[in-house]
Amino acid sequence: MIIGLIGGAIGLIVGVGAAVLTMGVWGILFGLPFILVFGWVYFKFIQPIFSQSNLLKTGEPATATILEVSDTNMTVNENPVVKLKLKVQPKAGASYETEVKTLISRLQVGYFQPSQMINVRYDVNRPEKVAVESIGATEETVDTETKKQLEDMLYKINERNNDILASGTMAQATIIRSWPMNINVNGNNPLMGFWLEVKPEGESSFEAEVKGAVSEHSLPKFQPGSTVWVKYDVNDHLRVTIDHS
């Protein structure tokens, strides 16, 4: 990133300088928009990334829950810059909400989903300044309030899935994408998120998101491209769950 910025800055300076030497005032007017655009991109996207890098070295550790994820339509070396709305829970003190733009690997896009727990560091003097440290929250950093939130979330997911299993219609589905939510259930069984293409018999296929715990020994069966059995609500195609039976 640094090499690219230096190269871009040198190219901009040389280009504007050449325009000024050959065109005078018109060269300045010609180069000014490029300078403004470069400055806007730097201060809007690049400078916050550098600030986060420094914050990761000096900030206080905390956990955070992703509330919303949105695309900034910017990439660096083919890796996207995303905007996250977070609920941050410091080790001491009340939780609070803030937003942060962060660069993530294109291979980890699926991990950054609403309700995902992440580790962050924040500026104690300006708590709204947050940097993403890692995906998933370790046991040492999860406080009582966060554990209660996780338990409530698991209860709601389990209740919803059981309701669909009791009254839903069976169908086959193909796993398009999967991602761990970094929460284990009943031992080392991970809570997973899935994006499925459901293929009901005699109906058009549709796509839906599913969340549920998977046995650690069965994980190889739940990879992108795998076929699984699901149950779905015929009146609401957003209500789908995997049938483990």
Protein backbone atom coordinates (compact mmCIF):
# COMPACT_ATOMS: atom_id res chain seq x y z
CA MET A 1 0.00 0.00 0.00
CA ILE A 2 2.81 2.40 0.96
CA ILE A 3 4.71 1.67 -2.26
CA GLY A 4 1.53 2.24 -4.26
CA LEU A 5 0.84 5.55 -2.52
CA ILE A 6 4.41 6.76 -3.04
CA GLY A 7 4.27 5.74 -6.69
CA GLY A 8 0.91 7.45 -7.14
CA ALA A 9 2.11 10.63 -5.42
CA ILE A 10 5.28 10.76 -7.55
CA GLY A 11 3.25 10.20 -10.70
CA LEU A 12 0.82 12.95 -9.69
CA ILE A 13 3.62 15.42 -8.91
CA VAL A 14 5.45 14.69 -12.18
CA GLY A 15 2.23 14.91 -14.20
CA VAL A 16 1.06 18.17 -12.63
CA GLY A 17 4.59 19.62 -12.82
CA ALA A 18 4.80 18.82 -16.52
CA ALA A 19 1.37 20.36 -17.11
CA VAL A 20 2.37 23.55 -15.27
CA LEU A 21 5.66 23.86 -17.20
CA THR A 22 3.99 23.42 -20.56
CA MET A 23 0.63 25.09 -19.96
CA GLY A 24 1.26 27.62 -17.19
CA VAL A 25 -1.90 28.66 -15.35
CA TRP A 26 -3.98 26.25 -17.41
CA GLY A 27 -1.68 23.49 -16.22
CA ILE A 28 -2.46 24.38 -12.60
CA LEU A 29 -6.18 24.36 -13.34
CA PHE A 30 -5.78 21.02 -15.12
CA GLY A 31 -3.86 19.40 -12.23
CA LEU A 32 -5.95 20.81 -9.37
CA PRO A 33 -8.84 18.27 -9.70
CA PHE A 34 -6.36 15.37 -9.60
CA ILE A 35 -4.73 16.76 -6.47
CA LEU A 36 -8.10 17.22 -4.79
CA VAL A 37 -9.23 13.68 -5.69
CA PHE A 38 -5.95 12.16 -4.46
CA GLY A 39 -6.18 14.13 -1.21
CA TRP A 40 -9.83 13.15 -0.69
CA VAL A 41 -9.11 9.44 -1.22
CA TYR A 42 -6.13 9.59 1.14
CA PHE A 43 -7.88 11.34 4.03
CA LYS A 44 -11.19 9.52 3.51
CA PHE A 45 -9.89 5.95 3.26
CA ILE A 46 -6.11 5.51 3.44
CA GLN A 47 -5.24 7.69 6.43
CA PRO A 48 -7.83 5.92 8.71
CA ILE A 49 -6.22 2.58 7.81
CA PHE A 50 -2.80 3.87 8.89
CA SER A 51 -4.35 5.25 12.10
CA GLN A 52 -5.85 1.83 12.85
CA SER A 53 -2.45 0.21 12.38
CA ASN A 54 -1.02 2.48 15.07
CA LEU A 55 -4.06 1.95 17.31
CA LEU A 56 -3.53 -1.83 17.21
CA LYS A 57 -0.17 -1.22 18.93
CA THR A 58 -1.33 1.30 21.54
CA GLY A 59 -5.09 0.79 22.06
CA GLU A 60 -6.96 -0.97 24.87
CA PRO A 61 -8.39 -4.44 24.02
CA ALA A 62 -12.15 -5.00 23.92
CA THR A 63 -14.74 -7.16 22.21
CA ALA A 64 -17.29 -5.93 19.71
CA THR A 65 -20.36 -7.23 17.94
CA ILE A 66 -20.85 -6.36 14.28
CA LEU A 67 -24.25 -4.70 13.87
CA GLU A 68 -24.04 -3.71 10.21
CA VAL A 69 -21.65 -4.20 7.29
CA SER A 70 -21.57 -1.96 4.23
CA ASP A 71 -19.30 -1.73 1.19
CA THR A 72 -17.28 1.45 0.57
CA ASN A 73 -16.71 0.47 -3.09
CA MET A 74 -12.97 0.79 -2.53
CA THR A 75 -10.31 -1.93 -2.71
CA VAL A 76 -6.61 -1.99 -1.89
CA ASN A 77 -4.63 -4.71 -3.68
CA GLU A 78 -7.99 -6.36 -4.51
CA ASN A 79 -8.94 -6.44 -0.81
CA PRO A 80 -12.12 -4.54 0.09
CA VAL A 81 -12.42 -1.64 2.49
CA VAL A 82 -15.68 -2.08 4.43
CA LYS A 83 -17.55 0.05 6.93
CA LEU A 84 -18.58 -1.70 10.13
CA LYS A 85 -21.12 -0.51 12.66
CA LEU A 86 -19.99 -2.01 15.96
CA LYS A 87 -21.24 -2.39 19.50
CA VAL A 88 -18.04 -2.23 21.55
CA GLN A 89 -17.84 -3.76 25.04
CA PRO A 90 -14.75 -2.62 26.98
CA LYS A 91 -13.47 -4.74 29.86
CA ALA A 92 -14.67 -2.01 32.20
CA GLY A 93 -17.54 0.37 31.52
CA ALA A 94 -20.71 0.44 29.47
CA SER A 95 -20.94 -0.72 25.87
CA TYR A 96 -21.28 1.83 23.08
CA GLU A 97 -21.76 1.96 19.32
CA THR A 98 -19.34 3.32 16.75
CA GLU A 99 -18.41 2.96 13.09
CA VAL A 100 -15.08 2.09 11.54
CA LYS A 101 -13.72 1.64 8.03
CA THR A 102 -11.28 -1.24 7.82
CA LEU A 103 -9.37 -3.18 5.18
CA ILE A 104 -10.11 -6.92 5.18
CA SER A 105 -8.78 -9.81 3.16
CA ARG A 106 -11.05 -10.79 0.28
CA LEU A 107 -10.75 -14.36 1.61
CA GLN A 108 -12.36 -13.28 4.91
CA VAL A 109 -15.33 -11.35 3.56
CA GLY A 110 -17.71 -14.10 4.66
CA TYR A 111 -16.55 -13.85 8.28
CA PHE A 112 -17.61 -10.21 8.65
CA GLN A 113 -21.34 -10.63 9.12
CA PRO A 114 -23.88 -9.06 11.52
CA SER A 115 -23.81 -10.70 14.98
CA GLN A 116 -20.18 -11.80 14.45
CA MET A 117 -17.96 -11.27 17.51
CA ILE A 118 -14.56 -9.66 16.91
CA ASN A 119 -11.64 -8.44 18.99
CA VAL A 120 -10.85 -4.74 18.72
CA ARG A 121 -8.64 -2.09 20.28
CA TYR A 122 -9.86 1.40 21.09
CA ASP A 123 -8.39 4.78 22.04
CA VAL A 124 -9.13 5.39 25.74
CA ASN A 125 -9.15 9.15 25.13
CA ARG A 126 -11.39 8.88 22.07
CA PRO A 127 -13.37 5.63 22.43
CA GLU A 128 -15.09 6.12 19.07
CA LYS A 129 -11.72 5.42 17.42
CA VAL A 130 -11.58 1.62 17.04
CA ALA A 131 -9.35 -0.80 15.14
CA VAL A 132 -10.26 -4.39 14.28
CA GLU A 133 -7.71 -6.80 15.75
CA SER A 134 -9.04 -10.28 14.93
CA ILE A 135 -12.15 -12.29 14.14
CA GLY A 136 -13.87 -13.98 17.06
CA ALA A 137 -13.76 -13.20 20.77
CA THR A 138 -11.60 -15.21 23.13
CA GLU A 139 -12.92 -16.51 26.41
CA GLU A 140 -10.64 -14.15 28.32
CA THR A 141 -12.13 -11.05 26.69
CA VAL A 142 -15.82 -11.96 26.82
CA ASP A 143 -17.59 -10.28 29.73
CA THR A 144 -20.80 -11.28 31.49
CA GLU A 145 -23.02 -8.98 29.42
CA THR A 146 -21.59 -10.30 26.15
CA LYS A 147 -22.04 -13.90 27.27
CA LYS A 148 -25.69 -13.12 28.07
CA GLN A 149 -26.13 -11.65 24.57
CA LEU A 150 -24.58 -14.76 23.02
CA GLU A 151 -26.86 -17.03 25.04
CA ASP A 152 -29.92 -15.02 23.94
CA MET A 153 -28.81 -15.18 20.31
CA LEU A 154 -28.28 -18.95 20.46
CA TYR A 155 -31.68 -19.44 22.10
CA LYS A 156 -33.44 -17.45 19.36
CA ILE A 157 -31.61 -19.31 16.57
CA ASN A 158 -32.41 -22.69 18.14
CA GLU A 159 -36.07 -21.77 18.74
CA ARG A 160 -36.49 -20.57 15.15
CA ASN A 161 -34.83 -23.66 13.67
CA ASN A 162 -36.94 -26.04 15.79
CA ASP A 163 -40.11 -24.25 14.71
CA ILE A 164 -39.19 -24.65 11.02
CA LEU A 165 -38.23 -28.31 11.53
CA ALA A 166 -41.60 -29.02 13.12
CA SER A 167 -43.73 -27.59 10.30
CA GLY A 168 -41.45 -27.07 7.30
CA THR A 169 -41.29 -28.87 3.95
CA MET A 170 -38.28 -31.01 3.03
CA ALA A 171 -36.02 -30.03 0.11
CA GLN A 172 -32.47 -30.38 -1.11
CA ALA A 173 -30.10 -27.41 -1.09
CA THR A 174 -26.60 -26.57 -2.26
CA ILE A 175 -24.23 -24.68 0.02
CA ILE A 176 -23.04 -21.59 -1.85
CA ARG A 177 -21.03 -20.05 0.97
CA SER A 178 -20.29 -20.85 4.61
CA TRP A 179 -18.64 -18.98 7.47
CA PRO A 180 -17.88 -19.75 11.13
CA MET A 181 -19.40 -17.42 13.72
CA ASN A 182 -16.62 -18.23 16.20
CA ILE A 183 -19.04 -19.55 18.80
CA ASN A 184 -18.97 -23.16 19.98
CA VAL A 185 -22.07 -25.01 21.18
CA ASN A 186 -22.04 -28.00 23.53
CA GLY A 187 -18.28 -28.45 23.37
CA ASN A 188 -16.41 -27.85 20.13
CA ASN A 189 -19.41 -27.81 17.79
CA PRO A 190 -19.20 -24.53 15.85
CA LEU A 191 -22.11 -22.22 15.14
CA MET A 192 -22.03 -21.72 11.37
CA GLY A 193 -23.65 -19.43 8.86
CA PHE A 194 -24.64 -20.72 5.42
CA TRP A 195 -25.88 -19.16 2.20
CA LEU A 196 -27.92 -21.81 0.41
CA GLU A 197 -29.61 -22.39 -2.92
CA VAL A 198 -32.78 -24.28 -1.99
CA LYS A 199 -34.27 -26.51 -4.69
CA PRO A 200 -37.86 -27.49 -3.78
CA GLU A 201 -39.45 -30.22 -5.83
CA GLY A 202 -41.85 -28.76 -8.37
CA GLU A 203 -40.92 -25.14 -7.50
CA SER A 204 -38.36 -22.58 -8.56
CA SER A 205 -35.12 -22.57 -6.61
CA PHE A 206 -34.38 -19.69 -4.23
CA GLU A 207 -31.55 -18.53 -1.98
CA ALA A 208 -31.62 -18.11 1.79
CA GLU A 209 -29.34 -17.61 4.78
CA VAL A 210 -29.22 -20.23 7.53
CA LYS A 211 -27.52 -20.27 10.92
CA GLY A 212 -27.06 -23.34 13.08
CA ALA A 213 -24.65 -25.49 15.06
CA VAL A 214 -22.78 -28.26 13.24
CA SER A 215 -20.98 -31.20 14.80
CA GLU A 216 -17.22 -30.71 14.52
CA HIS A 217 -16.97 -34.19 13.02
CA SER A 218 -19.53 -33.32 10.32
CA LEU A 219 -17.89 -30.08 9.14
CA PRO A 220 -16.41 -31.69 5.99
CA LYS A 221 -19.98 -32.42 4.86
CA PHE A 222 -20.94 -28.74 5.08
CA GLN A 223 -18.56 -27.10 2.63
CA PRO A 224 -19.41 -24.85 -0.35
CA GLY A 225 -20.71 -27.04 -3.18
CA SER A 226 -22.07 -29.73 -0.83
CA THR A 227 -25.70 -30.86 -1.04
CA VAL A 228 -27.71 -30.92 2.20
CA TRP A 229 -31.31 -31.54 3.20
CA VAL A 230 -33.26 -28.60 4.58
CA LYS A 231 -36.76 -27.71 5.67
CA TYR A 232 -38.38 -24.46 4.60
CA ASP A 233 -41.55 -22.49 5.20
CA VAL A 234 -43.63 -22.64 2.01
CA ASN A 235 -45.16 -19.27 2.92
CA ASP A 236 -41.88 -17.55 3.78
CA HIS A 237 -38.77 -18.61 1.85
CA LEU A 238 -36.56 -16.66 4.25
CA ARG A 239 -37.34 -19.28 6.90
CA VAL A 240 -35.02 -22.19 6.17
CA THR A 241 -33.02 -24.53 8.40
CA ILE A 242 -30.77 -27.51 7.81
CA ASP A 243 -32.32 -30.89 8.65
CA HIS A 244 -29.56 -32.82 10.43
CA SER A 245 -31.74 -35.96 10.75
